[in-house]
Amino acid sequence: MELDVKARNVMLECFPMSEKYITQIDDNTWLLDTIVCGLQYVKSFVLMVEGAKLVES
């Protein structure tokens, strides 16, 4: 999942343990690279948080 500043902050607030799976691409973009059990929560996060987009599944 690609995250902007706002989406990264929301991700870390909601899922603090995700920090070790987030890498910075440039000044305003981060990439969350992890394995999930299902896409239910991923879809919800992308739909609710502006600045988050799914780049690969």
PDB file of N, CA and C in Angstrom:
ATOM      1  N   MET A   1       0.852  -1.161   0.000  1.00  0.00           N
ATOM      2  CA  MET A   1       0.000   0.000   0.000  1.00  0.00           C
ATOM      3  C   MET A   1       0.901   1.227   0.000  1.00  0.00           C
ATOM      4  N   GLU A   2       0.557   2.192  -0.832  1.00  0.00           N
ATOM      5  CA  GLU A   2       1.290   3.447  -0.877  1.00  0.00           C
ATOM      6  C   GLU A   2       0.565   4.458  -0.003  1.00  0.00           C
ATOM      7  N   LEU A   3       1.309   5.168   0.823  1.00  0.00           N
ATOM      8  CA  LEU A   3       0.741   6.082   1.805  1.00  0.00           C
ATOM      9  C   LEU A   3       1.352   7.466   1.673  1.00  0.00           C
ATOM     10  N   ASP A   4       0.514   8.493   1.795  1.00  0.00           N
ATOM     11  CA  ASP A   4       1.058   9.838   1.918  1.00  0.00           C
ATOM     12  C   ASP A   4       1.250  10.124   3.411  1.00  0.00           C
ATOM     13  N   VAL A   5       1.611  11.336   3.750  1.00  0.00           N
ATOM     14  CA  VAL A   5       1.906  11.689   5.145  1.00  0.00           C
ATOM     15  C   VAL A   5       0.707  11.417   6.056  1.00  0.00           C
ATOM     16  N   LYS A   6      -0.465  11.885   5.639  1.00  0.00           N
ATOM     17  CA  LYS A   6      -1.661  11.714   6.464  1.00  0.00           C
ATOM     18  C   LYS A   6      -2.002  10.232   6.629  1.00  0.00           C
ATOM     19  N   ALA A   7      -1.974   9.484   5.538  1.00  0.00           N
ATOM     20  CA  ALA A   7      -2.307   8.062   5.595  1.00  0.00           C
ATOM     21  C   ALA A   7      -1.304   7.293   6.452  1.00  0.00           C
ATOM     22  N   ARG A   8      -0.034   7.661   6.364  1.00  0.00           N
ATOM     23  CA  ARG A   8       0.992   7.005   7.202  1.00  0.00           C
ATOM     24  C   ARG A   8       0.719   7.266   8.679  1.00  0.00           C
ATOM     25  N   ASN A   9       0.393   8.500   9.016  1.00  0.00           N
ATOM     26  CA  ASN A   9       0.114   8.837  10.409  1.00  0.00           C
ATOM     27  C   ASN A   9      -1.099   8.093  10.938  1.00  0.00           C
ATOM     28  N   VAL A  10      -2.150   7.997  10.122  1.00  0.00           N
ATOM     29  CA  VAL A  10      -3.346   7.255  10.529  1.00  0.00           C
ATOM     30  C   VAL A  10      -3.011   5.775  10.699  1.00  0.00           C
ATOM     31  N   MET A  11      -2.236   5.222   9.771  1.00  0.00           N
ATOM     32  CA  MET A  11      -1.843   3.815   9.858  1.00  0.00           C
ATOM     33  C   MET A  11      -1.089   3.543  11.165  1.00  0.00           C
ATOM     34  N   LEU A  12      -0.143   4.403  11.493  1.00  0.00           N
ATOM     35  CA  LEU A  12       0.644   4.201  12.716  1.00  0.00           C
ATOM     36  C   LEU A  12      -0.188   4.398  13.981  1.00  0.00           C
ATOM     37  N   GLU A  13      -1.178   5.278  13.907  1.00  0.00           N
ATOM     38  CA  GLU A  13      -2.054   5.488  15.055  1.00  0.00           C
ATOM     39  C   GLU A  13      -2.961   4.277  15.276  1.00  0.00           C
ATOM     40  N   CYS A  14      -3.497   3.749  14.194  1.00  0.00           N
ATOM     41  CA  CYS A  14      -4.422   2.609  14.300  1.00  0.00           C
ATOM     42  C   CYS A  14      -3.696   1.278  14.469  1.00  0.00           C
ATOM     43  N   PHE A  15      -2.549   1.160  13.817  1.00  0.00           N
ATOM     44  CA  PHE A  15      -1.792  -0.103  13.825  1.00  0.00           C
ATOM     45  C   PHE A  15      -0.320   0.188  14.117  1.00  0.00           C
ATOM     46  N   PRO A  16       0.029   0.450  15.371  1.00  0.00           N
ATOM     47  CA  PRO A  16       1.405   0.857  15.709  1.00  0.00           C
ATOM     48  C   PRO A  16       2.471  -0.166  15.317  1.00  0.00           C
ATOM     49  N   MET A  17       2.121  -1.428  15.299  1.00  0.00           N
ATOM     50  CA  MET A  17       3.116  -2.457  14.964  1.00  0.00           C
ATOM     51  C   MET A  17       3.432  -2.486  13.466  1.00  0.00           C
ATOM     52  N   SER A  18       2.690  -1.734  12.672  1.00  0.00           N
ATOM     53  CA  SER A  18       2.938  -1.694  11.229  1.00  0.00           C
ATOM     54  C   SER A  18       4.191  -0.885  10.886  1.00  0.00           C
ATOM     55  N   GLU A  19       4.707  -0.147  11.842  1.00  0.00           N
ATOM     56  CA  GLU A  19       5.848   0.735  11.584  1.00  0.00           C
ATOM     57  C   GLU A  19       7.043  -0.010  10.989  1.00  0.00           C
ATOM     58  N   LYS A  20       7.287  -1.224  11.418  1.00  0.00           N
ATOM     59  CA  LYS A  20       8.448  -1.962  10.909  1.00  0.00           C
ATOM     60  C   LYS A  20       8.275  -2.428   9.469  1.00  0.00           C
ATOM     61  N   TYR A  21       7.072  -2.308   8.913  1.00  0.00           N
ATOM     62  CA  TYR A  21       6.802  -2.712   7.534  1.00  0.00           C
ATOM     63  C   TYR A  21       6.661  -1.517   6.587  1.00  0.00           C
ATOM     64  N   ILE A  22       6.874  -0.324   7.103  1.00  0.00           N
ATOM     65  CA  ILE A  22       6.728   0.902   6.311  1.00  0.00           C
ATOM     66  C   ILE A  22       8.113   1.454   5.990  1.00  0.00           C
ATOM     67  N   THR A  23       8.345   1.699   4.693  1.00  0.00           N
ATOM     68  CA  THR A  23       9.605   2.301   4.265  1.00  0.00           C
ATOM     69  C   THR A  23       9.307   3.581   3.495  1.00  0.00           C
ATOM     70  N   GLN A  24      10.184   4.540   3.654  1.00  0.00           N
ATOM     71  CA  GLN A  24      10.000   5.835   2.995  1.00  0.00           C
ATOM     72  C   GLN A  24      10.535   5.762   1.576  1.00  0.00           C
ATOM     73  N   ILE A  25       9.726   6.213   0.615  1.00  0.00           N
ATOM     74  CA  ILE A  25      10.121   6.232  -0.790  1.00  0.00           C
ATOM     75  C   ILE A  25      10.695   7.598  -1.148  1.00  0.00           C
ATOM     76  N   ASP A  26       9.994   8.647  -0.766  1.00  0.00           N
ATOM     77  CA  ASP A  26      10.486  10.017  -0.934  1.00  0.00           C
ATOM     78  C   ASP A  26       9.932  10.868   0.210  1.00  0.00           C
ATOM     79  N   ASP A  27      10.038  12.181   0.103  1.00  0.00           N
ATOM     80  CA  ASP A  27       9.642  13.056   1.210  1.00  0.00           C
ATOM     81  C   ASP A  27       8.180  12.913   1.616  1.00  0.00           C
ATOM     82  N   ASN A  28       7.302  12.588   0.675  1.00  0.00           N
ATOM     83  CA  ASN A  28       5.866  12.552   0.965  1.00  0.00           C
ATOM     84  C   ASN A  28       5.212  11.206   0.709  1.00  0.00           C
ATOM     85  N   THR A  29       5.997  10.173   0.481  1.00  0.00           N
ATOM     86  CA  THR A  29       5.427   8.870   0.134  1.00  0.00           C
ATOM     87  C   THR A  29       6.105   7.751   0.901  1.00  0.00           C
ATOM     88  N   TRP A  30       5.291   6.856   1.450  1.00  0.00           N
ATOM     89  CA  TRP A  30       5.773   5.680   2.159  1.00  0.00           C
ATOM     90  C   TRP A  30       5.121   4.447   1.562  1.00  0.00           C
ATOM     91  N   LEU A  31       5.759   3.301   1.733  1.00  0.00           N
ATOM     92  CA  LEU A  31       5.237   2.049   1.218  1.00  0.00           C
ATOM     93  C   LEU A  31       5.081   1.065   2.373  1.00  0.00           C
ATOM     94  N   LEU A  32       3.883   0.540   2.520  1.00  0.00           N
ATOM     95  CA  LEU A  32       3.617  -0.516   3.504  1.00  0.00           C
ATOM     96  C   LEU A  32       3.701  -1.831   2.754  1.00  0.00           C
ATOM     97  N   ASP A  33       4.650  -2.663   3.113  1.00  0.00           N
ATOM     98  CA  ASP A  33       4.859  -3.950   2.453  1.00  0.00           C
ATOM     99  C   ASP A  33       4.756  -5.048   3.503  1.00  0.00           C
ATOM    100  N   THR A  34       3.642  -5.765   3.503  1.00  0.00           N
ATOM    101  CA  THR A  34       3.412  -6.810   4.496  1.00  0.00           C
ATOM    102  C   THR A  34       2.440  -7.848   3.945  1.00  0.00           C
ATOM    103  N   ILE A  35       2.277  -8.914   4.646  1.00  0.00           N
ATOM    104  CA  ILE A  35       1.320  -9.962   4.292  1.00  0.00           C
ATOM    105  C   ILE A  35       0.123  -9.825   5.223  1.00  0.00           C
ATOM    106  N   VAL A  36      -1.076  -9.904   4.658  1.00  0.00           N
ATOM    107  CA  VAL A  36      -2.304  -9.815   5.449  1.00  0.00           C
ATOM    108  C   VAL A  36      -3.127 -11.080   5.240  1.00  0.00           C
ATOM    109  N   CYS A  37      -3.971 -11.368   6.201  1.00  0.00           N
ATOM    110  CA  CYS A  37      -4.815 -12.571   6.134  1.00  0.00           C
ATOM    111  C   CYS A  37      -5.997 -12.391   5.180  1.00  0.00           C
ATOM    112  N   GLY A  38      -6.429 -11.180   4.986  1.00  0.00           N
ATOM    113  CA  GLY A  38      -7.556 -10.892   4.102  1.00  0.00           C
ATOM    114  C   GLY A  38      -7.550  -9.432   3.728  1.00  0.00           C
ATOM    115  N   LEU A  39      -8.285  -9.101   2.696  1.00  0.00           N
ATOM    116  CA  LEU A  39      -8.293  -7.720   2.224  1.00  0.00           C
ATOM    117  C   LEU A  39      -9.404  -6.874   2.813  1.00  0.00           C
ATOM    118  N   GLN A  40     -10.204  -7.424   3.710  1.00  0.00           N
ATOM    119  CA  GLN A  40     -11.324  -6.685   4.291  1.00  0.00           C
ATOM    120  C   GLN A  40     -10.858  -5.387   4.953  1.00  0.00           C
ATOM    121  N   TYR A  41      -9.871  -5.466   5.827  1.00  0.00           N
ATOM    122  CA  TYR A  41      -9.409  -4.277   6.540  1.00  0.00           C
ATOM    123  C   TYR A  41      -8.589  -3.365   5.637  1.00  0.00           C
ATOM    124  N   VAL A  42      -7.892  -3.943   4.686  1.00  0.00           N
ATOM    125  CA  VAL A  42      -7.122  -3.144   3.742  1.00  0.00           C
ATOM    126  C   VAL A  42      -8.074  -2.293   2.900  1.00  0.00           C
ATOM    127  N   LYS A  43      -9.123  -2.910   2.371  1.00  0.00           N
ATOM    128  CA  LYS A  43     -10.107  -2.166   1.579  1.00  0.00           C
ATOM    129  C   LYS A  43     -10.756  -1.072   2.399  1.00  0.00           C
ATOM    130  N   SER A  44     -11.113  -1.376   3.627  1.00  0.00           N
ATOM    131  CA  SER A  44     -11.736  -0.372   4.500  1.00  0.00           C
ATOM    132  C   SER A  44     -10.795   0.807   4.725  1.00  0.00           C
ATOM    133  N   PHE A  45      -9.525   0.522   4.978  1.00  0.00           N
ATOM    134  CA  PHE A  45      -8.550   1.581   5.226  1.00  0.00           C
ATOM    135  C   PHE A  45      -8.389   2.464   3.995  1.00  0.00           C
ATOM    136  N   VAL A  46      -8.264   1.850   2.826  1.00  0.00           N
ATOM    137  CA  VAL A  46      -8.083   2.612   1.588  1.00  0.00           C
ATOM    138  C   VAL A  46      -9.307   3.479   1.293  1.00  0.00           C
ATOM    139  N   LEU A  47     -10.488   2.950   1.556  1.00  0.00           N
ATOM    140  CA  LEU A  47     -11.710   3.714   1.298  1.00  0.00           C
ATOM    141  C   LEU A  47     -11.902   4.855   2.300  1.00  0.00           C
ATOM    142  N   MET A  48     -11.482   4.655   3.535  1.00  0.00           N
ATOM    143  CA  MET A  48     -11.701   5.658   4.586  1.00  0.00           C
ATOM    144  C   MET A  48     -10.614   6.722   4.650  1.00  0.00           C
ATOM    145  N   VAL A  49      -9.400   6.382   4.265  1.00  0.00           N
ATOM    146  CA  VAL A  49      -8.276   7.301   4.443  1.00  0.00           C
ATOM    147  C   VAL A  49      -7.801   7.825   3.084  1.00  0.00           C
ATOM    148  N   GLU A  50      -7.990   9.120   2.887  1.00  0.00           N
ATOM    149  CA  GLU A  50      -7.497   9.734   1.665  1.00  0.00           C
ATOM    150  C   GLU A  50      -5.978   9.712   1.699  1.00  0.00           C
ATOM    151  N   GLY A  51      -5.351   9.368   0.604  1.00  0.00           N
ATOM    152  CA  GLY A  51      -3.896   9.318   0.556  1.00  0.00           C
ATOM    153  C   GLY A  51      -3.342   7.922   0.677  1.00  0.00           C
ATOM    154  N   ALA A  52      -4.213   6.931   0.751  1.00  0.00           N
ATOM    155  CA  ALA A  52      -3.778   5.536   0.793  1.00  0.00           C
ATOM    156  C   ALA A  52      -4.277   4.860  -0.468  1.00  0.00           C
ATOM    157  N   LYS A  53      -3.392   4.122  -1.124  1.00  0.00           N
ATOM    158  CA  LYS A  53      -3.845   3.385  -2.298  1.00  0.00           C
ATOM    159  C   LYS A  53      -3.137   2.045  -2.374  1.00  0.00           C
ATOM    160  N   LEU A  54      -3.853   1.080  -2.844  1.00  0.00           N
ATOM    161  CA  LEU A  54      -3.338  -0.271  -3.000  1.00  0.00           C
ATOM    162  C   LEU A  54      -2.561  -0.324  -4.296  1.00  0.00           C
ATOM    163  N   VAL A  55      -1.299  -0.697  -4.228  1.00  0.00           N
ATOM    164  CA  VAL A  55      -0.471  -0.739  -5.432  1.00  0.00           C
ATOM    165  C   VAL A  55      -0.206  -2.161  -5.914  1.00  0.00           C
ATOM    166  N   GLU A  56      -0.428  -3.135  -5.050  1.00  0.00           N
ATOM    167  CA  GLU A  56      -0.206  -4.533  -5.426  1.00  0.00           C
ATOM    168  C   GLU A  56      -0.954  -5.426  -4.463  1.00  0.00           C
ATOM    169  N   SER A  57      -1.495  -6.505  -4.987  1.00  0.00           N
ATOM    170  CA  SER A  57      -2.167  -7.460  -4.093  1.00  0.00           C
ATOM    171  C   SER A  57      -1.766  -8.870  -4.440  1.00  0.00           C
TER     172      SER A  57
END
